[in-house]
N, C-alpha and C. Protein backbone atom coordinates (compact mmCIF):
# COMPACT_ATOMS: atom_id res chain seq x y z
N MET A 1 0.85 8.49 18.72
CA MET A 1 1.42 7.24 18.24
C MET A 1 1.94 7.44 16.81
N LEU A 2 3.04 6.81 16.53
CA LEU A 2 3.74 6.98 15.25
C LEU A 2 2.88 6.52 14.06
N LYS A 3 2.18 5.41 14.23
CA LYS A 3 1.36 4.90 13.13
C LYS A 3 0.27 5.91 12.74
N GLU A 4 -0.32 6.55 13.73
CA GLU A 4 -1.36 7.55 13.46
C GLU A 4 -0.78 8.75 12.71
N LYS A 5 0.42 9.16 13.11
CA LYS A 5 1.07 10.29 12.42
C LYS A 5 1.33 9.93 10.96
N ILE A 6 1.77 8.72 10.71
CA ILE A 6 2.03 8.28 9.33
C ILE A 6 0.73 8.31 8.53
N LYS A 7 -0.36 7.83 9.13
CA LYS A 7 -1.66 7.84 8.44
C LYS A 7 -2.11 9.26 8.13
N GLN A 8 -1.95 10.16 9.09
CA GLN A 8 -2.34 11.56 8.89
C GLN A 8 -1.52 12.20 7.77
N ASP A 9 -0.22 11.91 7.79
CA ASP A 9 0.66 12.48 6.76
C ASP A 9 0.35 11.89 5.38
N LEU A 10 -0.07 10.63 5.35
CA LEU A 10 -0.48 10.02 4.08
C LEU A 10 -1.70 10.74 3.53
N ASN A 11 -2.67 11.01 4.39
CA ASN A 11 -3.87 11.74 3.95
C ASN A 11 -3.50 13.15 3.46
N ALA A 12 -2.59 13.79 4.16
CA ALA A 12 -2.15 15.13 3.74
C ALA A 12 -1.45 15.06 2.39
N ALA A 13 -0.64 14.02 2.19
CA ALA A 13 0.08 13.85 0.92
C ALA A 13 -0.91 13.59 -0.22
N LEU A 14 -1.96 12.85 0.07
CA LEU A 14 -2.99 12.60 -0.93
C LEU A 14 -3.65 13.90 -1.35
N LYS A 15 -4.03 14.71 -0.35
CA LYS A 15 -4.70 15.98 -0.64
C LYS A 15 -3.78 16.95 -1.38
N ALA A 16 -2.49 16.93 -1.03
CA ALA A 16 -1.53 17.85 -1.65
C ALA A 16 -0.97 17.29 -2.97
N ARG A 17 -1.40 16.10 -3.31
CA ARG A 17 -0.95 15.42 -4.54
C ARG A 17 0.57 15.25 -4.59
N GLU A 18 1.13 14.89 -3.43
CA GLU A 18 2.57 14.61 -3.34
C GLU A 18 2.76 13.13 -3.64
N GLU A 19 3.04 12.83 -4.88
CA GLU A 19 3.06 11.44 -5.36
C GLU A 19 4.10 10.57 -4.66
N LEU A 20 5.33 11.02 -4.60
CA LEU A 20 6.39 10.21 -3.99
C LEU A 20 6.11 9.95 -2.52
N LYS A 21 5.70 10.97 -1.79
CA LYS A 21 5.42 10.82 -0.37
C LYS A 21 4.25 9.85 -0.16
N ARG A 22 3.25 9.95 -1.02
CA ARG A 22 2.09 9.05 -0.93
C ARG A 22 2.53 7.60 -1.12
N ILE A 23 3.36 7.37 -2.12
CA ILE A 23 3.82 6.01 -2.41
C ILE A 23 4.65 5.46 -1.24
N VAL A 24 5.57 6.28 -0.73
CA VAL A 24 6.45 5.84 0.35
C VAL A 24 5.64 5.53 1.61
N LEU A 25 4.72 6.43 1.97
CA LEU A 25 3.94 6.21 3.19
C LEU A 25 2.98 5.04 3.04
N SER A 26 2.43 4.85 1.86
CA SER A 26 1.55 3.69 1.62
C SER A 26 2.33 2.39 1.79
N SER A 27 3.53 2.35 1.21
CA SER A 27 4.31 1.12 1.33
C SER A 27 4.78 0.90 2.77
N LEU A 28 5.05 1.98 3.48
CA LEU A 28 5.44 1.87 4.89
C LEU A 28 4.28 1.32 5.72
N LEU A 29 3.08 1.84 5.50
CA LEU A 29 1.92 1.33 6.23
C LEU A 29 1.65 -0.13 5.89
N SER A 30 1.91 -0.51 4.65
CA SER A 30 1.77 -1.90 4.24
C SER A 30 2.76 -2.78 5.00
N ALA A 31 3.99 -2.33 5.09
CA ALA A 31 5.02 -3.09 5.81
C ALA A 31 4.65 -3.22 7.29
N ILE A 32 4.12 -2.15 7.87
CA ILE A 32 3.69 -2.17 9.28
C ILE A 32 2.54 -3.17 9.44
N HIS A 33 1.59 -3.13 8.53
CA HIS A 33 0.44 -4.04 8.57
C HIS A 33 0.91 -5.50 8.48
N ASN A 34 1.84 -5.77 7.58
CA ASN A 34 2.36 -7.13 7.44
C ASN A 34 3.04 -7.60 8.72
N LYS A 35 3.77 -6.70 9.37
CA LYS A 35 4.45 -7.03 10.62
C LYS A 35 3.41 -7.32 11.72
N GLU A 36 2.31 -6.56 11.72
CA GLU A 36 1.25 -6.79 12.71
C GLU A 36 0.59 -8.16 12.48
N ILE A 37 0.41 -8.54 11.22
CA ILE A 37 -0.16 -9.85 10.92
C ILE A 37 0.77 -10.95 11.42
N GLU A 38 2.07 -10.78 11.19
CA GLU A 38 3.06 -11.74 11.70
C GLU A 38 2.95 -11.88 13.21
N LYS A 39 2.88 -10.74 13.87
CA LYS A 39 2.79 -10.73 15.34
C LYS A 39 1.49 -11.38 15.82
N ARG A 40 0.39 -11.08 15.12
CA ARG A 40 -0.92 -11.66 15.49
C ARG A 40 -0.89 -13.17 15.34
N THR A 41 -0.28 -13.66 14.26
CA THR A 41 -0.20 -15.10 14.02
C THR A 41 0.61 -15.77 15.13
N ALA A 42 1.72 -15.17 15.51
CA ALA A 42 2.55 -15.72 16.58
C ALA A 42 1.79 -15.73 17.91
N LYS A 43 1.09 -14.63 18.20
CA LYS A 43 0.32 -14.55 19.45
C LYS A 43 -0.80 -15.60 19.46
N ALA A 44 -1.45 -15.81 18.32
CA ALA A 44 -2.54 -16.78 18.24
C ALA A 44 -2.03 -18.18 18.50
N LYS A 45 -0.83 -18.48 18.03
CA LYS A 45 -0.25 -19.81 18.25
C LYS A 45 0.14 -20.03 19.70
N GLU A 46 0.69 -18.99 20.33
CA GLU A 46 1.14 -19.16 21.71
C GLU A 46 0.01 -19.03 22.73
N SER A 47 -1.06 -18.31 22.36
CA SER A 47 -2.21 -18.14 23.28
C SER A 47 -3.52 -18.33 22.51
N PRO A 48 -3.87 -19.57 22.19
CA PRO A 48 -5.07 -19.81 21.38
C PRO A 48 -6.39 -19.41 22.06
N GLN A 49 -6.35 -19.17 23.38
CA GLN A 49 -7.57 -18.82 24.10
C GLN A 49 -7.96 -17.34 23.94
N LEU A 50 -7.08 -16.53 23.37
CA LEU A 50 -7.37 -15.10 23.21
C LEU A 50 -8.50 -14.87 22.22
N SER A 51 -9.34 -13.86 22.54
CA SER A 51 -10.41 -13.50 21.62
C SER A 51 -9.83 -12.70 20.46
N ILE A 52 -10.63 -12.47 19.43
CA ILE A 52 -10.18 -11.71 18.26
C ILE A 52 -9.78 -10.30 18.67
N GLU A 53 -10.57 -9.70 19.57
CA GLU A 53 -10.27 -8.34 20.02
C GLU A 53 -8.95 -8.29 20.79
N GLU A 54 -8.75 -9.30 21.66
CA GLU A 54 -7.51 -9.34 22.43
C GLU A 54 -6.31 -9.56 21.51
N LEU A 55 -6.48 -10.40 20.51
CA LEU A 55 -5.40 -10.63 19.55
C LEU A 55 -5.07 -9.36 18.78
N ALA A 56 -6.10 -8.64 18.35
CA ALA A 56 -5.89 -7.41 17.59
C ALA A 56 -5.12 -6.40 18.45
N LYS A 57 -5.53 -6.29 19.73
CA LYS A 57 -4.87 -5.35 20.64
C LYS A 57 -3.41 -5.77 20.88
N ALA A 58 -3.21 -7.07 21.08
CA ALA A 58 -1.87 -7.58 21.38
C ALA A 58 -0.93 -7.49 20.17
N SER A 59 -1.50 -7.44 18.98
CA SER A 59 -0.65 -7.44 17.79
C SER A 59 -0.32 -6.04 17.27
N GLU A 60 -0.84 -5.01 17.93
CA GLU A 60 -0.50 -3.64 17.51
C GLU A 60 0.98 -3.40 17.79
N LEU A 61 1.64 -2.78 16.84
CA LEU A 61 3.07 -2.52 17.00
C LEU A 61 3.31 -1.27 17.84
N SER A 62 4.32 -1.33 18.68
CA SER A 62 4.71 -0.16 19.46
C SER A 62 5.50 0.78 18.54
N ASP A 63 5.71 2.00 18.99
CA ASP A 63 6.50 2.95 18.19
C ASP A 63 7.91 2.41 17.93
N GLU A 64 8.45 1.71 18.93
CA GLU A 64 9.79 1.12 18.79
C GLU A 64 9.79 0.06 17.69
N GLU A 65 8.75 -0.76 17.64
CA GLU A 65 8.65 -1.80 16.60
C GLU A 65 8.45 -1.17 15.22
N ILE A 66 7.68 -0.08 15.18
CA ILE A 66 7.47 0.62 13.91
C ILE A 66 8.80 1.22 13.43
N THR A 67 9.60 1.72 14.36
CA THR A 67 10.91 2.26 14.01
C THR A 67 11.78 1.16 13.40
N LYS A 68 11.66 -0.07 13.92
CA LYS A 68 12.42 -1.18 13.34
C LYS A 68 11.96 -1.46 11.91
N VAL A 69 10.66 -1.34 11.66
CA VAL A 69 10.12 -1.54 10.31
C VAL A 69 10.68 -0.44 9.39
N ILE A 70 10.70 0.79 9.89
CA ILE A 70 11.24 1.91 9.10
C ILE A 70 12.72 1.65 8.78
N LYS A 71 13.45 1.19 9.78
CA LYS A 71 14.88 0.89 9.58
C LYS A 71 15.04 -0.17 8.49
N SER A 72 14.18 -1.17 8.50
CA SER A 72 14.22 -2.23 7.49
C SER A 72 13.93 -1.67 6.10
N GLU A 73 12.95 -0.77 6.01
CA GLU A 73 12.61 -0.16 4.72
C GLU A 73 13.76 0.70 4.20
N ILE A 74 14.44 1.40 5.10
CA ILE A 74 15.60 2.21 4.71
C ILE A 74 16.72 1.31 4.21
N LYS A 75 16.92 0.19 4.90
CA LYS A 75 17.97 -0.75 4.50
C LYS A 75 17.70 -1.28 3.08
N LYS A 76 16.44 -1.62 2.79
CA LYS A 76 16.07 -2.10 1.45
C LYS A 76 16.42 -1.04 0.39
N ARG A 77 16.10 0.20 0.70
CA ARG A 77 16.36 1.27 -0.26
C ARG A 77 17.86 1.52 -0.43
N ASN A 78 18.63 1.39 0.66
CA ASN A 78 20.08 1.53 0.54
C ASN A 78 20.67 0.45 -0.36
N GLN A 79 20.14 -0.77 -0.24
CA GLN A 79 20.60 -1.86 -1.11
C GLN A 79 20.25 -1.56 -2.56
N ALA A 80 19.06 -1.02 -2.79
CA ALA A 80 18.65 -0.66 -4.15
C ALA A 80 19.54 0.44 -4.71
N ILE A 81 19.91 1.41 -3.88
CA ILE A 81 20.80 2.50 -4.32
C ILE A 81 22.13 1.93 -4.80
N GLU A 82 22.67 0.99 -4.02
CA GLU A 82 23.93 0.35 -4.40
C GLU A 82 23.82 -0.29 -5.78
N LEU A 83 22.75 -1.06 -5.97
CA LEU A 83 22.55 -1.75 -7.25
C LEU A 83 22.37 -0.77 -8.40
N TYR A 84 21.58 0.28 -8.17
CA TYR A 84 21.36 1.28 -9.22
C TYR A 84 22.66 2.00 -9.59
N GLU A 85 23.47 2.29 -8.58
CA GLU A 85 24.72 2.98 -8.86
C GLU A 85 25.69 2.08 -9.63
N LYS A 86 25.70 0.78 -9.29
CA LYS A 86 26.54 -0.17 -10.02
C LYS A 86 26.05 -0.29 -11.46
N GLY A 87 24.73 -0.22 -11.64
CA GLY A 87 24.14 -0.34 -12.97
C GLY A 87 24.09 0.99 -13.72
N LYS A 88 24.75 1.99 -13.17
CA LYS A 88 24.81 3.32 -13.79
C LYS A 88 23.41 3.89 -14.07
N ARG A 89 22.56 3.84 -13.02
CA ARG A 89 21.21 4.41 -13.10
C ARG A 89 21.05 5.46 -12.00
N PRO A 90 21.76 6.59 -12.11
CA PRO A 90 21.75 7.59 -11.03
C PRO A 90 20.36 8.17 -10.75
N GLU A 91 19.50 8.25 -11.77
CA GLU A 91 18.16 8.81 -11.54
C GLU A 91 17.33 7.91 -10.62
N LEU A 92 17.49 6.58 -10.76
CA LEU A 92 16.77 5.65 -9.88
C LEU A 92 17.37 5.66 -8.48
N ALA A 93 18.70 5.78 -8.40
CA ALA A 93 19.36 5.86 -7.10
C ALA A 93 18.89 7.11 -6.36
N GLN A 94 18.74 8.22 -7.08
CA GLN A 94 18.28 9.47 -6.47
C GLN A 94 16.86 9.33 -5.94
N LYS A 95 16.01 8.64 -6.69
CA LYS A 95 14.62 8.41 -6.25
C LYS A 95 14.62 7.66 -4.91
N GLU A 96 15.46 6.64 -4.81
CA GLU A 96 15.56 5.87 -3.55
C GLU A 96 16.06 6.75 -2.41
N LYS A 97 17.02 7.63 -2.72
CA LYS A 97 17.54 8.55 -1.69
C LYS A 97 16.44 9.49 -1.21
N ASN A 98 15.61 9.95 -2.15
CA ASN A 98 14.49 10.83 -1.78
C ASN A 98 13.50 10.08 -0.89
N GLU A 99 13.28 8.80 -1.17
CA GLU A 99 12.38 7.99 -0.35
C GLU A 99 12.94 7.84 1.06
N ILE A 100 14.25 7.63 1.16
CA ILE A 100 14.88 7.51 2.48
C ILE A 100 14.69 8.79 3.28
N GLU A 101 14.82 9.94 2.62
CA GLU A 101 14.62 11.23 3.32
C GLU A 101 13.21 11.31 3.92
N ILE A 102 12.23 10.84 3.18
CA ILE A 102 10.85 10.85 3.68
C ILE A 102 10.74 9.92 4.89
N LEU A 103 11.31 8.73 4.79
CA LEU A 103 11.24 7.76 5.89
C LEU A 103 11.94 8.28 7.15
N LEU A 104 13.04 9.00 6.97
CA LEU A 104 13.79 9.50 8.12
C LEU A 104 12.99 10.52 8.93
N ASN A 105 11.96 11.12 8.32
CA ASN A 105 11.10 12.05 9.07
C ASN A 105 10.37 11.33 10.21
N TYR A 106 10.21 10.02 10.09
CA TYR A 106 9.46 9.26 11.08
C TYR A 106 10.37 8.51 12.05
N ALA A 107 11.66 8.59 11.82
CA ALA A 107 12.63 7.96 12.71
C ALA A 107 13.92 8.79 12.70
N PRO A 108 13.84 10.01 13.24
CA PRO A 108 15.00 10.92 13.17
C PRO A 108 16.25 10.33 13.83
N GLU A 109 16.06 9.41 14.78
CA GLU A 109 17.22 8.81 15.46
C GLU A 109 18.04 7.93 14.51
N LEU A 110 17.47 7.59 13.34
CA LEU A 110 18.18 6.76 12.38
C LEU A 110 19.04 7.59 11.42
N LYS A 111 18.95 8.90 11.48
CA LYS A 111 19.68 9.75 10.53
C LYS A 111 21.18 9.52 10.60
N SER A 112 21.67 9.10 11.75
CA SER A 112 23.11 8.86 11.89
C SER A 112 23.50 7.47 11.40
N VAL A 113 22.50 6.63 11.11
CA VAL A 113 22.77 5.25 10.69
C VAL A 113 23.25 5.21 9.26
């Protein structure tokens, strides 16, 4: 599962002291977690009879949904790159580009996007 791979890579980045990768993967896991909470809330409203365990299971994101979260994170960074380039801050734009490269490792099908 994609989420497990991201968690494993985050642990590896922590051990290797890869600061940028750690930050990017942490924020990605945060975004995934927020999306799961959204999904859990929606499921709880539509099926109030579900137990906590059933809700937790039903709110887990599929790899396809995680890919959508990754796509959203890439889009945010592309918008930031545009703003940084307009503001003549190439070093910050480059940092965002490096973050996108890390994210693309988890959604290679988005490389053409």
